[in-house]
Amino acid sequence: TRAQVEQDLARALDDNALMVHFQPQVDLRTDQCRSAEALIRWRHPDGRMVDPESIVEICEKRDLIVQLTRFTLNTVLRQLAGWDAAGIDVAVAINLSATTLSDTALPLMVSQALDTWDIPPTRLTLELTESALIRNQQVARETMRQLRGLGCWLSIDDFGTGYSPYTYLSQFSFDELKIDQSFVRRINSDAADLRIVQSVIDLAHAFGMHAVAEGVEDEQSERALRALGCDLAQGWFVS
């Protein structure tokens, strides 16, 4: 039952039983893995994988989102420290929920975690969606200002899927713009989506941002993105 899943998730968080997987992001100019996105995963005791969106939804409902954010942040930074020791120089992106972005204690949590694992803030990218930004714009703006003050990178995720995404490019300062996979997957079969992807890439560059394509699932899509000047790609074709 739903209630049982919620109880099991709370227990799993207490036991650090969740997993963080890393999806590589490849630089389309050099073919080098320059960064990765951290993805939360949880296998329920009955053996099935629980949808990541359900994990966040449950955590927000049961006031566990701070605990989930702290777990993810420290797991990612601990992994980065391990990669550093192995001579692997990459950055990692973490997704922030709307509730997390509205938490005024978030910058302090991030700062303390970076100090604990001795990771430069430029190695940490925080991904935000439009829905997270509109939940509480005033708090979001101040939180983002403090996170940028720490030296972290900021990324706007799923760009183009919201009601008025261009508004946020003028109100907030981002380092990275992620092109939603719904456009990328049809880049070779739909002329309109091809034009959308091209315009988003051009827009990102006009604002001094990197353009990252999500959902790259075949070689044809990767080739098209290279030709369009996209900076980074992630998806099943990459890894």
C-alpha atoms as a PDB file:
ATOM      1  CA  THR A   1       0.000   0.000   0.000  1.00  0.00           C
ATOM      2  CA  ARG A   2       0.990   3.635  -0.382  1.00  0.00           C
ATOM      3  CA  ALA A   3       1.274   4.075   3.379  1.00  0.00           C
ATOM      4  CA  GLN A   4       3.596   1.074   3.617  1.00  0.00           C
ATOM      5  CA  VAL A   5       5.824   2.407   0.828  1.00  0.00           C
ATOM      6  CA  GLU A   6       6.053   5.748   2.649  1.00  0.00           C
ATOM      7  CA  GLN A   7       7.084   4.020   5.867  1.00  0.00           C
ATOM      8  CA  ASP A   8       9.630   1.858   4.034  1.00  0.00           C
ATOM      9  CA  LEU A   9      11.136   4.918   2.325  1.00  0.00           C
ATOM     10  CA  ALA A  10      11.495   6.741   5.647  1.00  0.00           C
ATOM     11  CA  ARG A  11      13.290   3.680   7.036  1.00  0.00           C
ATOM     12  CA  ALA A  12      15.493   3.425   3.939  1.00  0.00           C
ATOM     13  CA  LEU A  13      16.549   7.062   4.354  1.00  0.00           C
ATOM     14  CA  ASP A  14      17.450   6.459   7.988  1.00  0.00           C
ATOM     15  CA  ASP A  15      19.518   3.430   6.920  1.00  0.00           C
ATOM     16  CA  ASN A  16      21.171   5.212   3.943  1.00  0.00           C
ATOM     17  CA  ALA A  17      19.696   2.476   1.757  1.00  0.00           C
ATOM     18  CA  LEU A  18      18.982   4.645  -1.287  1.00  0.00           C
ATOM     19  CA  MET A  19      21.351   4.709  -4.255  1.00  0.00           C
ATOM     20  CA  VAL A  20      22.722   7.483  -6.429  1.00  0.00           C
ATOM     21  CA  HIS A  21      23.437   6.642 -10.060  1.00  0.00           C
ATOM     22  CA  PHE A  22      25.456   8.926 -12.332  1.00  0.00           C
ATOM     23  CA  GLN A  23      24.544   9.608 -15.959  1.00  0.00           C
ATOM     24  CA  PRO A  24      27.562  10.938 -17.883  1.00  0.00           C
ATOM     25  CA  GLN A  25      27.415  14.189 -19.827  1.00  0.00           C
ATOM     26  CA  VAL A  26      29.785  14.176 -22.797  1.00  0.00           C
ATOM     27  CA  ASP A  27      31.376  17.253 -24.335  1.00  0.00           C
ATOM     28  CA  LEU A  28      30.347  17.072 -28.006  1.00  0.00           C
ATOM     29  CA  ARG A  29      33.459  18.962 -29.100  1.00  0.00           C
ATOM     30  CA  THR A  30      36.027  16.745 -27.382  1.00  0.00           C
ATOM     31  CA  ASP A  31      34.108  13.469 -26.740  1.00  0.00           C
ATOM     32  CA  GLN A  32      35.305  13.654 -23.135  1.00  0.00           C
ATOM     33  CA  CYS A  33      33.081  13.013 -20.125  1.00  0.00           C
ATOM     34  CA  ARG A  34      33.182  16.379 -18.393  1.00  0.00           C
ATOM     35  CA  SER A  35      30.317  16.015 -15.946  1.00  0.00           C
ATOM     36  CA  ALA A  36      27.448  13.784 -14.808  1.00  0.00           C
ATOM     37  CA  GLU A  37      23.935  14.098 -13.438  1.00  0.00           C
ATOM     38  CA  ALA A  38      23.163  12.426 -10.117  1.00  0.00           C
ATOM     39  CA  LEU A  39      19.967  10.362 -10.185  1.00  0.00           C
ATOM     40  CA  ILE A  40      18.341   9.011  -7.026  1.00  0.00           C
ATOM     41  CA  ARG A  41      17.306   5.339  -7.087  1.00  0.00           C
ATOM     42  CA  TRP A  42      15.578   3.082  -4.569  1.00  0.00           C
ATOM     43  CA  ARG A  43      14.769  -0.606  -4.741  1.00  0.00           C
ATOM     44  CA  HIS A  44      11.810  -1.410  -2.499  1.00  0.00           C
ATOM     45  CA  PRO A  45      12.202  -4.453  -0.203  1.00  0.00           C
ATOM     46  CA  ASP A  46       9.771  -6.320  -2.481  1.00  0.00           C
ATOM     47  CA  GLY A  47      12.350  -6.026  -5.293  1.00  0.00           C
ATOM     48  CA  ARG A  48      10.775  -3.405  -7.541  1.00  0.00           C
ATOM     49  CA  MET A  49      12.364  -0.077  -8.396  1.00  0.00           C
ATOM     50  CA  VAL A  50      10.355   2.914  -7.173  1.00  0.00           C
ATOM     51  CA  ASP A  51       9.843   5.796  -9.596  1.00  0.00           C
ATOM     52  CA  PRO A  52      12.195   8.701  -8.663  1.00  0.00           C
ATOM     53  CA  GLU A  53       9.367  11.236  -8.913  1.00  0.00           C
ATOM     54  CA  SER A  54       7.412   9.189  -6.374  1.00  0.00           C
ATOM     55  CA  ILE A  55      10.401   9.268  -4.034  1.00  0.00           C
ATOM     56  CA  VAL A  56      10.486  13.073  -4.124  1.00  0.00           C
ATOM     57  CA  GLU A  57       6.701  13.311  -3.808  1.00  0.00           C
ATOM     58  CA  ILE A  58       6.683  11.078  -0.722  1.00  0.00           C
ATOM     59  CA  CYS A  59       9.598  12.926   0.854  1.00  0.00           C
ATOM     60  CA  GLU A  60       7.867  16.271   0.382  1.00  0.00           C
ATOM     61  CA  LYS A  61       4.613  14.897   1.813  1.00  0.00           C
ATOM     62  CA  ARG A  62       6.269  13.413   4.912  1.00  0.00           C
ATOM     63  CA  ASP A  63       8.733  16.279   5.493  1.00  0.00           C
ATOM     64  CA  LEU A  64      11.684  14.093   4.500  1.00  0.00           C
ATOM     65  CA  ILE A  65      12.915  16.270   1.627  1.00  0.00           C
ATOM     66  CA  VAL A  66      15.687  17.903   3.673  1.00  0.00           C
ATOM     67  CA  GLN A  67      16.929  14.466   4.683  1.00  0.00           C
ATOM     68  CA  LEU A  68      16.801  13.278   1.064  1.00  0.00           C
ATOM     69  CA  THR A  69      18.681  16.370  -0.132  1.00  0.00           C
ATOM     70  CA  ARG A  70      21.357  15.961   2.541  1.00  0.00           C
ATOM     71  CA  PHE A  71      21.776  12.258   1.676  1.00  0.00           C
ATOM     72  CA  THR A  72      22.073  12.970  -2.049  1.00  0.00           C
ATOM     73  CA  LEU A  73      24.430  15.906  -1.577  1.00  0.00           C
ATOM     74  CA  ASN A  74      26.825  14.046   0.713  1.00  0.00           C
ATOM     75  CA  THR A  75      26.715  10.865  -1.370  1.00  0.00           C
ATOM     76  CA  VAL A  76      27.594  12.844  -4.500  1.00  0.00           C
ATOM     77  CA  LEU A  77      30.398  14.820  -2.867  1.00  0.00           C
ATOM     78  CA  ARG A  78      31.849  11.688  -1.265  1.00  0.00           C
ATOM     79  CA  GLN A  79      31.901  10.097  -4.733  1.00  0.00           C
ATOM     80  CA  LEU A  80      33.576  13.185  -6.165  1.00  0.00           C
ATOM     81  CA  ALA A  81      36.260  12.951  -3.488  1.00  0.00           C
ATOM     82  CA  GLY A  82      36.828   9.330  -4.471  1.00  0.00           C
ATOM     83  CA  TRP A  83      37.074  10.236  -8.140  1.00  0.00           C
ATOM     84  CA  ASP A  84      39.556  12.989  -7.280  1.00  0.00           C
ATOM     85  CA  ALA A  85      41.753  10.426  -5.549  1.00  0.00           C
ATOM     86  CA  ALA A  86      41.631   8.330  -8.721  1.00  0.00           C
ATOM     87  CA  GLY A  87      42.567  11.283 -10.918  1.00  0.00           C
ATOM     88  CA  ILE A  88      39.084  11.676 -12.434  1.00  0.00           C
ATOM     89  CA  ASP A  89      38.148  15.335 -12.851  1.00  0.00           C
ATOM     90  CA  VAL A  90      34.400  15.746 -13.421  1.00  0.00           C
ATOM     91  CA  ALA A  91      31.585  17.888 -12.092  1.00  0.00           C
ATOM     92  CA  VAL A  92      28.224  16.572 -10.896  1.00  0.00           C
ATOM     93  CA  ALA A  93      24.717  18.024 -11.129  1.00  0.00           C
ATOM     94  CA  ILE A  94      22.042  17.522  -8.465  1.00  0.00           C
ATOM     95  CA  ASN A  95      18.333  18.200  -8.958  1.00  0.00           C
ATOM     96  CA  LEU A  96      16.598  20.462  -6.454  1.00  0.00           C
ATOM     97  CA  SER A  97      12.860  20.192  -5.787  1.00  0.00           C
ATOM     98  CA  ALA A  98      10.623  23.238  -5.370  1.00  0.00           C
ATOM     99  CA  THR A  99      10.444  22.626  -1.625  1.00  0.00           C
ATOM    100  CA  THR A 100      14.219  22.378  -1.344  1.00  0.00           C
ATOM    101  CA  LEU A 101      14.776  25.628  -3.241  1.00  0.00           C
ATOM    102  CA  SER A 102      12.374  27.376  -0.857  1.00  0.00           C
ATOM    103  CA  ASP A 103      14.387  26.238   2.168  1.00  0.00           C
ATOM    104  CA  THR A 104      16.447  29.186   3.421  1.00  0.00           C
ATOM    105  CA  ALA A 105      18.842  26.747   5.142  1.00  0.00           C
ATOM    106  CA  LEU A 106      19.872  25.151   1.812  1.00  0.00           C
ATOM    107  CA  PRO A 107      22.949  27.370   1.139  1.00  0.00           C
ATOM    108  CA  LEU A 108      24.372  26.549   4.570  1.00  0.00           C
ATOM    109  CA  MET A 109      23.782  22.826   4.007  1.00  0.00           C
ATOM    110  CA  VAL A 110      25.602  22.999   0.667  1.00  0.00           C
ATOM    111  CA  SER A 111      28.472  25.038   2.107  1.00  0.00           C
ATOM    112  CA  GLN A 112      28.999  22.635   5.011  1.00  0.00           C
ATOM    113  CA  ALA A 113      28.916  19.586   2.726  1.00  0.00           C
ATOM    114  CA  LEU A 114      31.457  21.126   0.337  1.00  0.00           C
ATOM    115  CA  ASP A 115      33.765  21.863   3.284  1.00  0.00           C
ATOM    116  CA  THR A 116      33.321  18.359   4.725  1.00  0.00           C
ATOM    117  CA  TRP A 117      34.370  16.631   1.508  1.00  0.00           C
ATOM    118  CA  ASP A 118      36.831  19.368   0.418  1.00  0.00           C
ATOM    119  CA  ILE A 119      35.205  19.774  -3.004  1.00  0.00           C
ATOM    120  CA  PRO A 120      35.484  23.068  -4.952  1.00  0.00           C
ATOM    121  CA  PRO A 121      32.001  24.577  -5.406  1.00  0.00           C
ATOM    122  CA  THR A 122      32.538  24.880  -9.160  1.00  0.00           C
ATOM    123  CA  ARG A 123      32.367  21.070  -9.322  1.00  0.00           C
ATOM    124  CA  LEU A 124      28.748  21.131  -8.110  1.00  0.00           C
ATOM    125  CA  THR A 125      25.861  22.120 -10.388  1.00  0.00           C
ATOM    126  CA  LEU A 126      22.378  22.569  -8.951  1.00  0.00           C
ATOM    127  CA  GLU A 127      19.531  21.919 -11.391  1.00  0.00           C
ATOM    128  CA  LEU A 128      16.243  23.791 -11.037  1.00  0.00           C
ATOM    129  CA  THR A 129      12.982  23.474 -12.935  1.00  0.00           C
ATOM    130  CA  GLU A 130      10.580  26.278 -13.819  1.00  0.00           C
ATOM    131  CA  SER A 131       8.047  24.895 -11.331  1.00  0.00           C
ATOM    132  CA  ALA A 132      10.654  25.213  -8.581  1.00  0.00           C
ATOM    133  CA  LEU A 133      11.318  28.828  -9.504  1.00  0.00           C
ATOM    134  CA  ILE A 134       7.686  29.928  -9.538  1.00  0.00           C
ATOM    135  CA  ARG A 135       6.822  28.322  -6.174  1.00  0.00           C
ATOM    136  CA  ASN A 136       8.315  31.249  -4.280  1.00  0.00           C
ATOM    137  CA  GLN A 137      10.259  33.578  -6.528  1.00  0.00           C
ATOM    138  CA  GLN A 138      11.512  35.902  -3.814  1.00  0.00           C
ATOM    139  CA  VAL A 139      12.956  33.101  -1.680  1.00  0.00           C
ATOM    140  CA  ALA A 140      14.239  31.293  -4.777  1.00  0.00           C
ATOM    141  CA  ARG A 141      16.050  34.396  -5.983  1.00  0.00           C
ATOM    142  CA  GLU A 142      17.793  34.884  -2.615  1.00  0.00           C
ATOM    143  CA  THR A 143      18.671  31.183  -2.311  1.00  0.00           C
ATOM    144  CA  MET A 144      20.136  31.171  -5.819  1.00  0.00           C
ATOM    145  CA  ARG A 145      22.104  34.340  -5.059  1.00  0.00           C
ATOM    146  CA  GLN A 146      23.686  32.660  -2.043  1.00  0.00           C
ATOM    147  CA  LEU A 147      24.410  29.427  -3.935  1.00  0.00           C
ATOM    148  CA  ARG A 148      26.071  31.391  -6.712  1.00  0.00           C
ATOM    149  CA  GLY A 149      27.989  33.320  -4.043  1.00  0.00           C
ATOM    150  CA  LEU A 150      29.397  29.995  -2.846  1.00  0.00           C
ATOM    151  CA  GLY A 151      30.677  29.377  -6.383  1.00  0.00           C
ATOM    152  CA  CYS A 152      28.234  26.631  -7.397  1.00  0.00           C
ATOM    153  CA  TRP A 153      26.901  26.428 -10.947  1.00  0.00           C
ATOM    154  CA  LEU A 154      23.165  26.790 -11.601  1.00  0.00           C
ATOM    155  CA  SER A 155      21.247  24.999 -14.345  1.00  0.00           C
ATOM    156  CA  ILE A 156      17.643  25.373 -15.563  1.00  0.00           C
ATOM    157  CA  ASP A 157      16.229  21.931 -16.342  1.00  0.00           C
ATOM    158  CA  ASP A 158      13.580  20.881 -18.906  1.00  0.00           C
ATOM    159  CA  PHE A 159      13.782  24.233 -20.644  1.00  0.00           C
ATOM    160  CA  GLY A 160      10.891  25.023 -22.981  1.00  0.00           C
ATOM    161  CA  THR A 161       8.273  22.831 -21.295  1.00  0.00           C
ATOM    162  CA  GLY A 162       6.884  25.506 -18.974  1.00  0.00           C
ATOM    163  CA  TYR A 163       4.488  28.346 -19.550  1.00  0.00           C
ATOM    164  CA  SER A 164       6.923  31.248 -19.858  1.00  0.00           C
ATOM    165  CA  PRO A 165      10.507  29.953 -19.506  1.00  0.00           C
ATOM    166  CA  TYR A 166      12.111  32.965 -21.177  1.00  0.00           C
ATOM    167  CA  THR A 167      10.983  35.146 -18.295  1.00  0.00           C
ATOM    168  CA  TYR A 168      13.352  33.349 -15.934  1.00  0.00           C
ATOM    169  CA  LEU A 169      16.395  33.934 -18.093  1.00  0.00           C
ATOM    170  CA  SER A 170      16.022  37.660 -17.474  1.00  0.00           C
ATOM    171  CA  GLN A 171      15.153  37.312 -13.777  1.00  0.00           C
ATOM    172  CA  PHE A 172      17.696  34.671 -12.750  1.00  0.00           C
ATOM    173  CA  SER A 173      21.309  34.014 -13.654  1.00  0.00           C
ATOM    174  CA  PHE A 174      22.150  30.511 -14.918  1.00  0.00           C
ATOM    175  CA  ASP A 175      25.316  28.821 -16.169  1.00  0.00           C
ATOM    176  CA  GLU A 176      23.608  26.012 -18.045  1.00  0.00           C
ATOM    177  CA  LEU A 177      20.412  25.415 -19.982  1.00  0.00           C
ATOM    178  CA  LYS A 178      19.127  21.862 -20.428  1.00  0.00           C
ATOM    179  CA  ILE A 179      17.062  21.030 -23.515  1.00  0.00           C
ATOM    180  CA  ASP A 180      14.146  18.767 -22.635  1.00  0.00           C
ATOM    181  CA  GLN A 181      14.321  15.270 -24.071  1.00  0.00           C
ATOM    182  CA  SER A 182      10.855  15.579 -25.635  1.00  0.00           C
ATOM    183  CA  PHE A 183      12.413  17.902 -28.235  1.00  0.00           C
ATOM    184  CA  VAL A 184      15.708  16.023 -28.585  1.00  0.00           C
ATOM    185  CA  ARG A 185      14.126  12.638 -29.320  1.00  0.00           C
ATOM    186  CA  ARG A 186      12.322  13.976 -32.411  1.00  0.00           C
ATOM    187  CA  ILE A 187      15.171  16.105 -33.677  1.00  0.00           C
ATOM    188  CA  ASN A 188      15.600  13.968 -36.829  1.00  0.00           C
ATOM    189  CA  SER A 189      11.924  13.348 -37.543  1.00  0.00           C
ATOM    190  CA  ASP A 190      10.220  16.653 -36.774  1.00  0.00           C
ATOM    191  CA  ALA A 191      11.376  19.861 -38.440  1.00  0.00           C
ATOM    192  CA  ALA A 192       9.670  21.982 -35.788  1.00  0.00           C
ATOM    193  CA  ASP A 193      11.536  20.248 -32.962  1.00  0.00           C
ATOM    194  CA  LEU A 194      14.802  20.651 -34.864  1.00  0.00           C
ATOM    195  CA  ARG A 195      14.184  24.392 -35.083  1.00  0.00           C
ATOM    196  CA  ILE A 196      13.270  24.519 -31.385  1.00  0.00           C
ATOM    197  CA  VAL A 197      16.490  22.764 -30.380  1.00  0.00           C
ATOM    198  CA  GLN A 198      18.547  25.065 -32.596  1.00  0.00           C
ATOM    199  CA  SER A 199      16.863  28.160 -31.130  1.00  0.00           C
ATOM    200  CA  VAL A 200      17.394  26.964 -27.551  1.00  0.00           C
ATOM    201  CA  ILE A 201      21.088  26.303 -28.225  1.00  0.00           C
ATOM    202  CA  ASP A 202      21.469  29.758 -29.767  1.00  0.00           C
ATOM    203  CA  LEU A 203      19.585  31.295 -26.836  1.00  0.00           C
ATOM    204  CA  ALA A 204      21.843  29.579 -24.297  1.00  0.00           C
ATOM    205  CA  HIS A 205      24.947  30.846 -26.060  1.00  0.00           C
ATOM    206  CA  ALA A 206      23.490  34.358 -26.338  1.00  0.00           C
ATOM    207  CA  PHE A 207      23.150  34.415 -22.536  1.00  0.00           C
ATOM    208  CA  GLY A 208      26.646  32.974 -22.027  1.00  0.00           C
ATOM    209  CA  MET A 209      25.397  29.543 -20.968  1.00  0.00           C
ATOM    210  CA  HIS A 210      26.235  25.986 -21.968  1.00  0.00           C
ATOM    211  CA  ALA A 211      23.508  24.014 -23.762  1.00  0.00           C
ATOM    212  CA  VAL A 212      22.963  20.430 -22.564  1.00  0.00           C
ATOM    213  CA  ALA A 213      20.761  18.004 -24.496  1.00  0.00           C
ATOM    214  CA  GLU A 214      18.889  15.343 -22.529  1.00  0.00           C
ATOM    215  CA  GLY A 215      17.518  12.075 -23.901  1.00  0.00           C
ATOM    216  CA  VAL A 216      20.165  11.439 -26.582  1.00  0.00           C
ATOM    217  CA  GLU A 217      19.304   7.863 -27.526  1.00  0.00           C
ATOM    218  CA  ASP A 218      20.883   7.260 -30.943  1.00  0.00           C
ATOM    219  CA  GLU A 219      23.862   8.248 -33.060  1.00  0.00           C
ATOM    220  CA  GLN A 220      21.754  10.293 -35.469  1.00  0.00           C
ATOM    221  CA  SER A 221      20.585  12.555 -32.656  1.00  0.00           C
ATOM    222  CA  GLU A 222      24.125  13.025 -31.394  1.00  0.00           C
ATOM    223  CA  ARG A 223      25.355  13.949 -34.870  1.00  0.00           C
ATOM    224  CA  ALA A 224      22.544  16.466 -35.306  1.00  0.00           C
ATOM    225  CA  LEU A 225      23.324  18.069 -31.947  1.00  0.00           C
ATOM    226  CA  ARG A 226      27.000  18.390 -32.874  1.00  0.00           C
ATOM    227  CA  ALA A 227      26.033  20.115 -36.117  1.00  0.00           C
ATOM    228  CA  LEU A 228      23.759  22.493 -34.201  1.00  0.00           C
ATOM    229  CA  GLY A 229      26.580  23.499 -31.852  1.00  0.00           C
ATOM    230  CA  CYS A 230      25.226  21.887 -28.678  1.00  0.00           C
ATOM    231  CA  ASP A 231      27.847  21.730 -25.916  1.00  0.00           C
ATOM    232  CA  LEU A 232      26.976  18.614 -23.901  1.00  0.00           C
ATOM    233  CA  ALA A 233      24.820  15.514 -24.343  1.00  0.00           C
ATOM    234  CA  GLN A 234      23.452  12.886 -22.004  1.00  0.00           C
ATOM    235  CA  GLY A 235      21.203   9.864 -22.553  1.00  0.00           C
ATOM    236  CA  TRP A 236      21.194   6.135 -23.232  1.00  0.00           C
ATOM    237  CA  PHE A 237      23.351   6.473 -26.363  1.00  0.00           C
ATOM    238  CA  VAL A 238      26.066   8.178 -24.345  1.00  0.00           C
ATOM    239  CA  SER A 239      25.794   5.737 -21.417  1.00  0.00           C
END
